Amino acid sequence: MNQRLSDTDLATFKEILLKKKNHSEEQIKYYQDQLESMAENGRDESNVLQNSNEYINMEYTLLQLSRQKKHLSDIDQALERVARKTFGLCTITGNLIDKKRLMAVPTTTKSLSNGKKVGE
């Protein structure tokens, strides 16, 4: 059985993913700008408390940047699956992932089913 989402559904999810990609790219640019600004401002070696806060802010910004880059990669992979018309197929069971789940997490590759593969 060759299950897949309809071309209409694929187009809908492609649009959703492209909007998320645009937002993620904006977030990456924002965090990169923040890090650049932090680097340009330097720090006052005599103010330990200020340096601690700056370090915490930099760590937080680096973490957010890393998360956004991972998210962007996941979006790009999902867009590749849309192009191959394999988007929405569980990589474990081969079954279609519920559309509600895909709407909530369009980058997912796994369903929440009982794990039976197609044809079992």
PDB file of N, CA and C in Angstrom:
ATOM      1  N   MET A   1       0.846  -1.187   0.000  1.00  0.00           N
ATOM      2  CA  MET A   1       0.000   0.000   0.000  1.00  0.00           C
ATOM      3  C   MET A   1       0.885   1.242   0.000  1.00  0.00           C
ATOM      4  N   ASN A   2       0.665   2.129  -0.951  1.00  0.00           N
ATOM      5  CA  ASN A   2       1.489   3.318  -1.073  1.00  0.00           C
ATOM      6  C   ASN A   2       0.756   4.512  -0.477  1.00  0.00           C
ATOM      7  N   GLN A   3       0.877   4.696   0.819  1.00  0.00           N
ATOM      8  CA  GLN A   3       0.226   5.809   1.494  1.00  0.00           C
ATOM      9  C   GLN A   3       1.096   7.049   1.386  1.00  0.00           C
ATOM     10  N   ARG A   4       0.448   8.159   1.178  1.00  0.00           N
ATOM     11  CA  ARG A   4       1.127   9.450   1.225  1.00  0.00           C
ATOM     12  C   ARG A   4       0.091  10.537   1.327  1.00  0.00           C
ATOM     13  N   LEU A   5       0.538  11.717   1.713  1.00  0.00           N
ATOM     14  CA  LEU A   5      -0.356  12.871   1.777  1.00  0.00           C
ATOM     15  C   LEU A   5      -0.696  13.328   0.362  1.00  0.00           C
ATOM     16  N   SER A   6      -1.854  13.938   0.216  1.00  0.00           N
ATOM     17  CA  SER A   6      -2.256  14.457  -1.094  1.00  0.00           C
ATOM     18  C   SER A   6      -1.357  15.635  -1.476  1.00  0.00           C
ATOM     19  N   ASP A   7      -1.353  15.964  -2.764  1.00  0.00           N
ATOM     20  CA  ASP A   7      -0.570  17.111  -3.229  1.00  0.00           C
ATOM     21  C   ASP A   7      -1.054  18.404  -2.571  1.00  0.00           C
ATOM     22  N   THR A   8      -2.348  18.496  -2.307  1.00  0.00           N
ATOM     23  CA  THR A   8      -2.900  19.677  -1.634  1.00  0.00           C
ATOM     24  C   THR A   8      -2.358  19.781  -0.210  1.00  0.00           C
ATOM     25  N   ASP A   9      -2.360  18.656   0.505  1.00  0.00           N
ATOM     26  CA  ASP A   9      -1.814  18.641   1.866  1.00  0.00           C
ATOM     27  C   ASP A   9      -0.328  18.977   1.850  1.00  0.00           C
ATOM     28  N   LEU A  10       0.400  18.410   0.894  1.00  0.00           N
ATOM     29  CA  LEU A  10       1.836  18.696   0.799  1.00  0.00           C
ATOM     30  C   LEU A  10       2.079  20.185   0.554  1.00  0.00           C
ATOM     31  N   ALA A  11       1.266  20.794  -0.306  1.00  0.00           N
ATOM     32  CA  ALA A  11       1.413  22.228  -0.579  1.00  0.00           C
ATOM     33  C   ALA A  11       1.122  23.047   0.678  1.00  0.00           C
ATOM     34  N   THR A  12       0.127  22.627   1.439  1.00  0.00           N
ATOM     35  CA  THR A  12      -0.207  23.324   2.687  1.00  0.00           C
ATOM     36  C   THR A  12       0.958  23.251   3.663  1.00  0.00           C
ATOM     37  N   PHE A  13       1.525  22.058   3.833  1.00  0.00           N
ATOM     38  CA  PHE A  13       2.634  21.907   4.772  1.00  0.00           C
ATOM     39  C   PHE A  13       3.893  22.611   4.260  1.00  0.00           C
ATOM     40  N   LYS A  14       4.079  22.647   2.955  1.00  0.00           N
ATOM     41  CA  LYS A  14       5.229  23.374   2.403  1.00  0.00           C
ATOM     42  C   LYS A  14       5.122  24.851   2.766  1.00  0.00           C
ATOM     43  N   GLU A  15       3.922  25.418   2.637  1.00  0.00           N
ATOM     44  CA  GLU A  15       3.711  26.820   2.987  1.00  0.00           C
ATOM     45  C   GLU A  15       3.997  27.062   4.470  1.00  0.00           C
ATOM     46  N   ILE A  16       3.508  26.175   5.314  1.00  0.00           N
ATOM     47  CA  ILE A  16       3.753  26.286   6.761  1.00  0.00           C
ATOM     48  C   ILE A  16       5.250  26.225   7.045  1.00  0.00           C
ATOM     49  N   LEU A  17       5.923  25.269   6.424  1.00  0.00           N
ATOM     50  CA  LEU A  17       7.363  25.098   6.651  1.00  0.00           C
ATOM     51  C   LEU A  17       8.160  26.298   6.146  1.00  0.00           C
ATOM     52  N   LEU A  18       7.773  26.853   5.018  1.00  0.00           N
ATOM     53  CA  LEU A  18       8.488  28.023   4.494  1.00  0.00           C
ATOM     54  C   LEU A  18       8.334  29.234   5.419  1.00  0.00           C
ATOM     55  N   LYS A  19       7.148  29.399   6.017  1.00  0.00           N
ATOM     56  CA  LYS A  19       6.958  30.484   6.987  1.00  0.00           C
ATOM     57  C   LYS A  19       7.831  30.259   8.216  1.00  0.00           C
ATOM     58  N   LYS A  20       7.882  29.002   8.682  1.00  0.00           N
ATOM     59  CA  LYS A  20       8.719  28.683   9.838  1.00  0.00           C
ATOM     60  C   LYS A  20      10.197  28.871   9.500  1.00  0.00           C
ATOM     61  N   LYS A  21      10.573  28.534   8.272  1.00  0.00           N
ATOM     62  CA  LYS A  21      11.963  28.717   7.854  1.00  0.00           C
ATOM     63  C   LYS A  21      12.337  30.198   7.868  1.00  0.00           C
ATOM     64  N   ASN A  22      11.464  31.026   7.336  1.00  0.00           N
ATOM     65  CA  ASN A  22      11.708  32.467   7.320  1.00  0.00           C
ATOM     66  C   ASN A  22      11.864  33.002   8.741  1.00  0.00           C
ATOM     67  N   HIS A  23      10.960  32.579   9.632  1.00  0.00           N
ATOM     68  CA  HIS A  23      11.031  33.024  11.023  1.00  0.00           C
ATOM     69  C   HIS A  23      12.336  32.546  11.685  1.00  0.00           C
ATOM     70  N   SER A  24      12.709  31.315  11.426  1.00  0.00           N
ATOM     71  CA  SER A  24      13.934  30.766  12.013  1.00  0.00           C
ATOM     72  C   SER A  24      15.163  31.517  11.506  1.00  0.00           C
ATOM     73  N   GLU A  25      15.184  31.837  10.220  1.00  0.00           N
ATOM     74  CA  GLU A  25      16.310  32.607   9.665  1.00  0.00           C
ATOM     75  C   GLU A  25      16.391  33.993  10.301  1.00  0.00           C
ATOM     76  N   GLU A  26      15.240  34.604  10.552  1.00  0.00           N
ATOM     77  CA  GLU A  26      15.215  35.905  11.232  1.00  0.00           C
ATOM     78  C   GLU A  26      15.763  35.779  12.653  1.00  0.00           C
ATOM     79  N   GLN A  27      15.381  34.713  13.343  1.00  0.00           N
ATOM     80  CA  GLN A  27      15.865  34.493  14.707  1.00  0.00           C
ATOM     81  C   GLN A  27      17.375  34.263  14.718  1.00  0.00           C
ATOM     82  N   ILE A  28      17.875  33.504  13.772  1.00  0.00           N
ATOM     83  CA  ILE A  28      19.322  33.263  13.686  1.00  0.00           C
ATOM     84  C   ILE A  28      20.058  34.577  13.485  1.00  0.00           C
ATOM     85  N   LYS A  29      19.570  35.407  12.586  1.00  0.00           N
ATOM     86  CA  LYS A  29      20.186  36.710  12.336  1.00  0.00           C
ATOM     87  C   LYS A  29      20.161  37.558  13.609  1.00  0.00           C
ATOM     88  N   TYR A  30      19.037  37.536  14.322  1.00  0.00           N
ATOM     89  CA  TYR A  30      18.909  38.299  15.559  1.00  0.00           C
ATOM     90  C   TYR A  30      19.956  37.852  16.584  1.00  0.00           C
ATOM     91  N   TYR A  31      20.071  36.542  16.804  1.00  0.00           N
ATOM     92  CA  TYR A  31      21.026  36.042  17.797  1.00  0.00           C
ATOM     93  C   TYR A  31      22.467  36.286  17.358  1.00  0.00           C
ATOM     94  N   GLN A  32      22.742  36.196  16.067  1.00  0.00           N
ATOM     95  CA  GLN A  32      24.088  36.500  15.583  1.00  0.00           C
ATOM     96  C   GLN A  32      24.420  37.970  15.810  1.00  0.00           C
ATOM     97  N   ASP A  33      23.454  38.838  15.555  1.00  0.00           N
ATOM     98  CA  ASP A  33      23.655  40.271  15.808  1.00  0.00           C
ATOM     99  C   ASP A  33      23.885  40.535  17.293  1.00  0.00           C
ATOM    100  N   GLN A  34      23.139  39.841  18.154  1.00  0.00           N
ATOM    101  CA  GLN A  34      23.312  40.001  19.598  1.00  0.00           C
ATOM    102  C   GLN A  34      24.731  39.602  20.023  1.00  0.00           C
ATOM    103  N   LEU A  35      25.201  38.474  19.500  1.00  0.00           N
ATOM    104  CA  LEU A  35      26.552  38.020  19.849  1.00  0.00           C
ATOM    105  C   LEU A  35      27.609  38.998  19.351  1.00  0.00           C
ATOM    106  N   GLU A  36      27.406  39.521  18.153  1.00  0.00           N
ATOM    107  CA  GLU A  36      28.347  40.495  17.607  1.00  0.00           C
ATOM    108  C   GLU A  36      28.375  41.750  18.470  1.00  0.00           C
ATOM    109  N   SER A  37      27.220  42.193  18.902  1.00  0.00           N
ATOM    110  CA  SER A  37      27.124  43.368  19.763  1.00  0.00           C
ATOM    111  C   SER A  37      27.826  43.118  21.101  1.00  0.00           C
ATOM    112  N   MET A  38      27.611  41.927  21.674  1.00  0.00           N
ATOM    113  CA  MET A  38      28.273  41.585  22.939  1.00  0.00           C
ATOM    114  C   MET A  38      29.795  41.600  22.780  1.00  0.00           C
ATOM    115  N   ALA A  39      30.269  41.087  21.667  1.00  0.00           N
ATOM    116  CA  ALA A  39      31.711  41.033  21.427  1.00  0.00           C
ATOM    117  C   ALA A  39      32.295  42.432  21.246  1.00  0.00           C
ATOM    118  N   GLU A  40      31.559  43.305  20.573  1.00  0.00           N
ATOM    119  CA  GLU A  40      32.032  44.670  20.334  1.00  0.00           C
ATOM    120  C   GLU A  40      32.072  45.499  21.609  1.00  0.00           C
ATOM    121  N   ASN A  41      31.129  45.246  22.504  1.00  0.00           N
ATOM    122  CA  ASN A  41      31.044  46.031  23.735  1.00  0.00           C
ATOM    123  C   ASN A  41      32.138  45.669  24.731  1.00  0.00           C
ATOM    124  N   GLY A  42      32.712  44.506  24.592  1.00  0.00           N
ATOM    125  CA  GLY A  42      33.762  44.101  25.521  1.00  0.00           C
ATOM    126  C   GLY A  42      33.237  44.010  26.929  1.00  0.00           C
ATOM    127  N   ARG A  43      34.176  43.991  27.869  1.00  0.00           N
ATOM    128  CA  ARG A  43      33.726  43.953  29.262  1.00  0.00           C
ATOM    129  C   ARG A  43      34.665  44.751  30.156  1.00  0.00           C
ATOM    130  N   ASP A  44      34.106  45.139  31.264  1.00  0.00           N
ATOM    131  CA  ASP A  44      34.836  45.894  32.269  1.00  0.00           C
ATOM    132  C   ASP A  44      35.469  44.875  33.213  1.00  0.00           C
ATOM    133  N   GLU A  45      36.781  44.706  33.130  1.00  0.00           N
ATOM    134  CA  GLU A  45      37.490  43.689  33.909  1.00  0.00           C
ATOM    135  C   GLU A  45      37.331  43.892  35.417  1.00  0.00           C
ATOM    136  N   SER A  46      37.010  45.107  35.839  1.00  0.00           N
ATOM    137  CA  SER A  46      36.903  45.376  37.279  1.00  0.00           C
ATOM    138  C   SER A  46      35.528  45.017  37.850  1.00  0.00           C
ATOM    139  N   ASN A  47      34.539  44.757  37.008  1.00  0.00           N
ATOM    140  CA  ASN A  47      33.193  44.487  37.485  1.00  0.00           C
ATOM    141  C   ASN A  47      32.843  43.008  37.300  1.00  0.00           C
ATOM    142  N   VAL A  48      33.091  42.233  38.338  1.00  0.00           N
ATOM    143  CA  VAL A  48      32.888  40.786  38.286  1.00  0.00           C
ATOM    144  C   VAL A  48      31.409  40.437  38.091  1.00  0.00           C
ATOM    145  N   LEU A  49      30.529  41.143  38.784  1.00  0.00           N
ATOM    146  CA  LEU A  49      29.095  40.872  38.669  1.00  0.00           C
ATOM    147  C   LEU A  49      28.599  41.143  37.254  1.00  0.00           C
ATOM    148  N   GLN A  50      29.020  42.238  36.692  1.00  0.00           N
ATOM    149  CA  GLN A  50      28.620  42.572  35.319  1.00  0.00           C
ATOM    150  C   GLN A  50      29.163  41.510  34.358  1.00  0.00           C
ATOM    151  N   ASN A  51      30.386  41.088  34.562  1.00  0.00           N
ATOM    152  CA  ASN A  51      30.986  40.066  33.702  1.00  0.00           C
ATOM    153  C   ASN A  51      30.213  38.752  33.803  1.00  0.00           C
ATOM    154  N   SER A  52      29.758  38.409  34.996  1.00  0.00           N
ATOM    155  CA  SER A  52      28.968  37.185  35.184  1.00  0.00           C
ATOM    156  C   SER A  52      27.668  37.268  34.408  1.00  0.00           C
ATOM    157  N   ASN A  53      27.011  38.414  34.503  1.00  0.00           N
ATOM    158  CA  ASN A  53      25.758  38.596  33.764  1.00  0.00           C
ATOM    159  C   ASN A  53      25.993  38.553  32.262  1.00  0.00           C
ATOM    160  N   GLU A  54      27.057  39.159  31.809  1.00  0.00           N
ATOM    161  CA  GLU A  54      27.374  39.135  30.383  1.00  0.00           C
ATOM    162  C   GLU A  54      27.664  37.709  29.911  1.00  0.00           C
ATOM    163  N   TYR A  55      28.372  36.953  30.744  1.00  0.00           N
ATOM    164  CA  TYR A  55      28.671  35.570  30.407  1.00  0.00           C
ATOM    165  C   TYR A  55      27.384  34.752  30.302  1.00  0.00           C
ATOM    166  N   ILE A  56      26.476  34.940  31.260  1.00  0.00           N
ATOM    167  CA  ILE A  56      25.194  34.229  31.244  1.00  0.00           C
ATOM    168  C   ILE A  56      24.387  34.618  30.002  1.00  0.00           C
ATOM    169  N   ASN A  57      24.357  35.907  29.690  1.00  0.00           N
ATOM    170  CA  ASN A  57      23.641  36.365  28.490  1.00  0.00           C
ATOM    171  C   ASN A  57      24.244  35.781  27.221  1.00  0.00           C
ATOM    172  N   MET A  58      25.561  35.707  27.165  1.00  0.00           N
ATOM    173  CA  MET A  58      26.223  35.156  25.987  1.00  0.00           C
ATOM    174  C   MET A  58      25.930  33.657  25.857  1.00  0.00           C
ATOM    175  N   GLU A  59      25.978  32.933  26.965  1.00  0.00           N
ATOM    176  CA  GLU A  59      25.672  31.497  26.947  1.00  0.00           C
ATOM    177  C   GLU A  59      24.238  31.260  26.487  1.00  0.00           C
ATOM    178  N   TYR A  60      23.321  32.056  27.006  1.00  0.00           N
ATOM    179  CA  TYR A  60      21.913  31.937  26.620  1.00  0.00           C
ATOM    180  C   TYR A  60      21.746  32.201  25.117  1.00  0.00           C
ATOM    181  N   THR A  61      22.386  33.251  24.639  1.00  0.00           N
ATOM    182  CA  THR A  61      22.281  33.611  23.224  1.00  0.00           C
ATOM    183  C   THR A  61      22.886  32.524  22.344  1.00  0.00           C
ATOM    184  N   LEU A  62      24.017  31.964  22.762  1.00  0.00           N
ATOM    185  CA  LEU A  62      24.626  30.867  22.000  1.00  0.00           C
ATOM    186  C   LEU A  62      23.721  29.642  21.975  1.00  0.00           C
ATOM    187  N   LEU A  63      23.083  29.348  23.085  1.00  0.00           N
ATOM    188  CA  LEU A  63      22.165  28.220  23.154  1.00  0.00           C
ATOM    189  C   LEU A  63      20.979  28.434  22.217  1.00  0.00           C
ATOM    190  N   GLN A  64      20.409  29.635  22.241  1.00  0.00           N
ATOM    191  CA  GLN A  64      19.277  29.934  21.363  1.00  0.00           C
ATOM    192  C   GLN A  64      19.687  29.878  19.894  1.00  0.00           C
ATOM    193  N   LEU A  65      20.868  30.368  19.585  1.00  0.00           N
ATOM    194  CA  LEU A  65      21.372  30.318  18.213  1.00  0.00           C
ATOM    195  C   LEU A  65      21.531  28.862  17.761  1.00  0.00           C
ATOM    196  N   SER A  66      22.088  28.046  18.614  1.00  0.00           N
ATOM    197  CA  SER A  66      22.264  26.630  18.299  1.00  0.00           C
ATOM    198  C   SER A  66      20.911  25.944  18.067  1.00  0.00           C
ATOM    199  N   ARG A  67      19.953  26.232  18.918  1.00  0.00           N
ATOM    200  CA  ARG A  67      18.611  25.640  18.766  1.00  0.00           C
ATOM    201  C   ARG A  67      17.962  26.069  17.461  1.00  0.00           C
ATOM    202  N   GLN A  68      18.103  27.338  17.118  1.00  0.00           N
ATOM    203  CA  GLN A  68      17.504  27.826  15.872  1.00  0.00           C
ATOM    204  C   GLN A  68      18.170  27.195  14.653  1.00  0.00           C
ATOM    205  N   LYS A  69      19.475  27.007  14.706  1.00  0.00           N
ATOM    206  CA  LYS A  69      20.172  26.369  13.580  1.00  0.00           C
ATOM    207  C   LYS A  69      19.723  24.921  13.420  1.00  0.00           C
ATOM    208  N   LYS A  70      19.528  24.220  14.525  1.00  0.00           N
ATOM    209  CA  LYS A  70      19.029  22.845  14.479  1.00  0.00           C
ATOM    210  C   LYS A  70      17.616  22.831  13.918  1.00  0.00           C
ATOM    211  N   HIS A  71      16.789  23.754  14.381  1.00  0.00           N
ATOM    212  CA  HIS A  71      15.411  23.850  13.897  1.00  0.00           C
ATOM    213  C   HIS A  71      15.382  24.135  12.394  1.00  0.00           C
ATOM    214  N   LEU A  72      16.247  25.025  11.941  1.00  0.00           N
ATOM    215  CA  LEU A  72      16.329  25.349  10.518  1.00  0.00           C
ATOM    216  C   LEU A  72      16.729  24.112   9.715  1.00  0.00           C
ATOM    217  N   SER A  73      17.662  23.344  10.221  1.00  0.00           N
ATOM    218  CA  SER A  73      18.068  22.105   9.559  1.00  0.00           C
ATOM    219  C   SER A  73      16.894  21.126   9.481  1.00  0.00           C
ATOM    220  N   ASP A  74      16.141  21.003  10.575  1.00  0.00           N
ATOM    221  CA  ASP A  74      14.961  20.127  10.587  1.00  0.00           C
ATOM    222  C   ASP A  74      13.923  20.595   9.564  1.00  0.00           C
ATOM    223  N   ILE A  75      13.742  21.892   9.444  1.00  0.00           N
ATOM    224  CA  ILE A  75      12.792  22.444   8.471  1.00  0.00           C
ATOM    225  C   ILE A  75      13.257  22.128   7.053  1.00  0.00           C
ATOM    226  N   ASP A  76      14.536  22.324   6.783  1.00  0.00           N
ATOM    227  CA  ASP A  76      15.069  22.027   5.452  1.00  0.00           C
ATOM    228  C   ASP A  76      14.883  20.551   5.095  1.00  0.00           C
ATOM    229  N   GLN A  77      15.102  19.676   6.065  1.00  0.00           N
ATOM    230  CA  GLN A  77      14.894  18.246   5.821  1.00  0.00           C
ATOM    231  C   GLN A  77      13.420  17.948   5.554  1.00  0.00           C
ATOM    232  N   ALA A  78      12.528  18.604   6.280  1.00  0.00           N
ATOM    233  CA  ALA A  78      11.089  18.420   6.060  1.00  0.00           C
ATOM    234  C   ALA A  78      10.700  18.912   4.667  1.00  0.00           C
ATOM    235  N   LEU A  79      11.264  20.034   4.240  1.00  0.00           N
ATOM    236  CA  LEU A  79      10.980  20.540   2.897  1.00  0.00           C
ATOM    237  C   LEU A  79      11.481  19.571   1.822  1.00  0.00           C
ATOM    238  N   GLU A  80      12.609  18.911   2.076  1.00  0.00           N
ATOM    239  CA  GLU A  80      13.098  17.888   1.151  1.00  0.00           C
ATOM    240  C   GLU A  80      12.115  16.721   1.077  1.00  0.00           C
ATOM    241  N   ARG A  81      11.555  16.340   2.229  1.00  0.00           N
ATOM    242  CA  ARG A  81      10.562  15.257   2.242  1.00  0.00           C
ATOM    243  C   ARG A  81       9.301  15.673   1.487  1.00  0.00           C
ATOM    244  N   VAL A  82       8.906  16.940   1.592  1.00  0.00           N
ATOM    245  CA  VAL A  82       7.759  17.436   0.837  1.00  0.00           C
ATOM    246  C   VAL A  82       8.052  17.288  -0.656  1.00  0.00           C
ATOM    247  N   ALA A  83       9.232  17.710  -1.069  1.00  0.00           N
ATOM    248  CA  ALA A  83       9.607  17.635  -2.488  1.00  0.00           C
ATOM    249  C   ALA A  83       9.616  16.188  -2.995  1.00  0.00           C
ATOM    250  N   ARG A  84      10.036  15.252  -2.138  1.00  0.00           N
ATOM    251  CA  ARG A  84      10.073  13.829  -2.518  1.00  0.00           C
ATOM    252  C   ARG A  84       8.720  13.141  -2.303  1.00  0.00           C
ATOM    253  N   LYS A  85       7.778  13.884  -1.757  1.00  0.00           N
ATOM    254  CA  LYS A  85       6.428  13.386  -1.442  1.00  0.00           C
ATOM    255  C   LYS A  85       6.457  12.253  -0.413  1.00  0.00           C
ATOM    256  N   THR A  86       7.436  12.323   0.482  1.00  0.00           N
ATOM    257  CA  THR A  86       7.503  11.372   1.590  1.00  0.00           C
ATOM    258  C   THR A  86       7.196  12.063   2.919  1.00  0.00           C
ATOM    259  N   PHE A  87       6.875  13.343   2.859  1.00  0.00           N
ATOM    260  CA  PHE A  87       6.539  14.096   4.057  1.00  0.00           C
ATOM    261  C   PHE A  87       5.305  13.478   4.700  1.00  0.00           C
ATOM    262  N   GLY A  88       5.339  13.343   6.012  1.00  0.00           N
ATOM    263  CA  GLY A  88       4.190  12.819   6.733  1.00  0.00           C
ATOM    264  C   GLY A  88       4.213  11.320   6.935  1.00  0.00           C
ATOM    265  N   LEU A  89       5.265  10.664   6.449  1.00  0.00           N
ATOM    266  CA  LEU A  89       5.399   9.226   6.660  1.00  0.00           C
ATOM    267  C   LEU A  89       6.321   8.970   7.847  1.00  0.00           C
ATOM    268  N   CYS A  90       5.870   8.124   8.747  1.00  0.00           N
ATOM    269  CA  CYS A  90       6.664   7.775   9.923  1.00  0.00           C
ATOM    270  C   CYS A  90       7.879   6.972   9.483  1.00  0.00           C
ATOM    271  N   THR A  91       9.047   7.362   9.965  1.00  0.00           N
ATOM    272  CA  THR A  91      10.278   6.660   9.592  1.00  0.00           C
ATOM    273  C   THR A  91      10.405   5.305  10.270  1.00  0.00           C
ATOM    274  N   ILE A  92       9.601   5.058  11.268  1.00  0.00           N
ATOM    275  CA  ILE A  92       9.650   3.775  11.977  1.00  0.00           C
ATOM    276  C   ILE A  92       8.612   2.799  11.423  1.00  0.00           C
ATOM    277  N   THR A  93       7.373   3.266  11.321  1.00  0.00           N
ATOM    278  CA  THR A  93       6.291   2.360  10.922  1.00  0.00           C
ATOM    279  C   THR A  93       5.965   2.408   9.435  1.00  0.00           C
ATOM    280  N   GLY A  94       6.299   3.507   8.779  1.00  0.00           N
ATOM    281  CA  GLY A  94       5.930   3.685   7.386  1.00  0.00           C
ATOM    282  C   GLY A  94       4.507   4.180   7.213  1.00  0.00           C
ATOM    283  N   ASN A  95       3.779   4.328   8.313  1.00  0.00           N
ATOM    284  CA  ASN A  95       2.395   4.813   8.280  1.00  0.00           C
ATOM    285  C   ASN A  95       2.363   6.330   8.211  1.00  0.00           C
ATOM    286  N   LEU A  96       1.209   6.838   7.781  1.00  0.00           N
ATOM    287  CA  LEU A  96       1.031   8.287   7.783  1.00  0.00           C
ATOM    288  C   LEU A  96       0.974   8.812   9.213  1.00  0.00           C
ATOM    289  N   ILE A  97       1.623   9.934   9.428  1.00  0.00           N
ATOM    290  CA  ILE A  97       1.562  10.619  10.713  1.00  0.00           C
ATOM    291  C   ILE A  97       0.266  11.426  10.727  1.00  0.00           C
ATOM    292  N   ASP A  98      -0.424  11.413  11.850  1.00  0.00           N
ATOM    293  CA  ASP A  98      -1.681  12.146  11.983  1.00  0.00           C
ATOM    294  C   ASP A  98      -1.468  13.617  11.625  1.00  0.00           C
ATOM    295  N   LYS A  99      -2.386  14.180  10.851  1.00  0.00           N
ATOM    296  CA  LYS A  99      -2.263  15.580  10.410  1.00  0.00           C
ATOM    297  C   LYS A  99      -2.237  16.552  11.580  1.00  0.00           C
ATOM    298  N   LYS A 100      -2.959  16.235  12.655  1.00  0.00           N
ATOM    299  CA  LYS A 100      -2.934  17.116  13.830  1.00  0.00           C
ATOM    300  C   LYS A 100      -1.523  17.177  14.405  1.00  0.00           C
ATOM    301  N   ARG A 101      -0.852  16.048  14.441  1.00  0.00           N
ATOM    302  CA  ARG A 101       0.532  16.019  14.931  1.00  0.00           C
ATOM    303  C   ARG A 101       1.439  16.814  13.995  1.00  0.00           C
ATOM    304  N   LEU A 102       1.250  16.643  12.695  1.00  0.00           N
ATOM    305  CA  LEU A 102       2.064  17.384  11.728  1.00  0.00           C
ATOM    306  C   LEU A 102       1.822  18.887  11.825  1.00  0.00           C
ATOM    307  N   MET A 103       0.588  19.273  12.113  1.00  0.00           N
ATOM    308  CA  MET A 103       0.302  20.704  12.270  1.00  0.00           C
ATOM    309  C   MET A 103       1.011  21.245  13.516  1.00  0.00           C
ATOM    310  N   ALA A 104       1.046  20.451  14.564  1.00  0.00           N
ATOM    311  CA  ALA A 104       1.697  20.878  15.806  1.00  0.00           C
ATOM    312  C   ALA A 104       3.210  20.875  15.675  1.00  0.00           C
ATOM    313  N   VAL A 105       3.742  19.840  15.013  1.00  0.00           N
ATOM    314  CA  VAL A 105       5.196  19.687  14.858  1.00  0.00           C
ATOM    315  C   VAL A 105       5.476  19.265  13.409  1.00  0.00           C
ATOM    316  N   PRO A 106       5.491  20.224  12.478  1.00  0.00           N
ATOM    317  CA  PRO A 106       5.632  19.852  11.067  1.00  0.00           C
ATOM    318  C   PRO A 106       6.986  19.257  10.684  1.00  0.00           C
ATOM    319  N   THR A 107       7.948  19.316  11.574  1.00  0.00           N
ATOM    320  CA  THR A 107       9.259  18.727  11.277  1.00  0.00           C
ATOM    321  C   THR A 107       9.380  17.286  11.780  1.00  0.00           C
ATOM    322  N   THR A 108       8.323  16.769  12.409  1.00  0.00           N
ATOM    323  CA  THR A 108       8.400  15.430  12.980  1.00  0.00           C
ATOM    324  C   THR A 108       8.552  14.359  11.903  1.00  0.00           C
ATOM    325  N   THR A 109       9.188  13.278  12.283  1.00  0.00           N
ATOM    326  CA  THR A 109       9.346  12.143  11.369  1.00  0.00           C
ATOM    327  C   THR A 109       8.784  10.869  11.985  1.00  0.00           C
ATOM    328  N   LYS A 110       8.162  11.012  13.136  1.00  0.00           N
ATOM    329  CA  LYS A 110       7.652   9.835  13.842  1.00  0.00           C
ATOM    330  C   LYS A 110       6.202  10.051  14.264  1.00  0.00           C
ATOM    331  N   SER A 111       5.430   8.978  14.130  1.00  0.00           N
ATOM    332  CA  SER A 111       4.040   9.030  14.565  1.00  0.00           C
ATOM    333  C   SER A 111       3.955   8.584  16.023  1.00  0.00           C
ATOM    334  N   LEU A 112       2.788   8.683  16.547  1.00  0.00           N
ATOM    335  CA  LEU A 112       2.557   8.239  17.918  1.00  0.00           C
ATOM    336  C   LEU A 112       1.724   6.967  17.907  1.00  0.00           C
ATOM    337  N   SER A 113       1.856   6.183  16.816  1.00  0.00           N
ATOM    338  CA  SER A 113       1.042   4.975  16.653  1.00  0.00           C
ATOM    339  C   SER A 113       1.603   3.812  17.461  1.00  0.00           C
ATOM    340  N   ASN A 114       0.981   2.671  17.297  1.00  0.00           N
ATOM    341  CA  ASN A 114       1.379   1.494  18.068  1.00  0.00           C
ATOM    342  C   ASN A 114       2.647   0.821  17.527  1.00  0.00           C
ATOM    343  N   GLY A 115       3.191   1.305  16.472  1.00  0.00           N
ATOM    344  CA  GLY A 115       4.458   0.779  15.970  1.00  0.00           C
ATOM    345  C   GLY A 115       4.351  -0.300  14.929  1.00  0.00           C
ATOM    346  N   LYS A 116       3.145  -0.705  14.535  1.00  0.00           N
ATOM    347  CA  LYS A 116       3.016  -1.724  13.497  1.00  0.00           C
ATOM    348  C   LYS A 116       3.345  -1.119  12.156  1.00  0.00           C
ATOM    349  N   LYS A 117       4.169  -1.820  11.395  1.00  0.00           N
ATOM    350  CA  LYS A 117       4.550  -1.340  10.083  1.00  0.00           C
ATOM    351  C   LYS A 117       3.452  -1.635   9.076  1.00  0.00           C
ATOM    352  N   VAL A 118       3.474  -0.857   7.996  1.00  0.00           N
ATOM    353  CA  VAL A 118       2.519  -1.058   6.921  1.00  0.00           C
ATOM    354  C   VAL A 118       2.654  -2.497   6.412  1.00  0.00           C
ATOM    355  N   GLY A 119       1.519  -3.186   6.249  1.00  0.00           N
ATOM    356  CA  GLY A 119       1.525  -4.539   5.724  1.00  0.00           C
ATOM    357  C   GLY A 119       1.597  -5.622   6.784  1.00  0.00           C
ATOM    358  N   GLU A 120       1.732  -5.243   8.058  1.00  0.00           N
ATOM    359  CA  GLU A 120       1.790  -6.256   9.129  1.00  0.00           C
ATOM    360  C   GLU A 120       0.418  -6.645   9.579  1.00  0.00           C
TER     361      GLU A 120
END
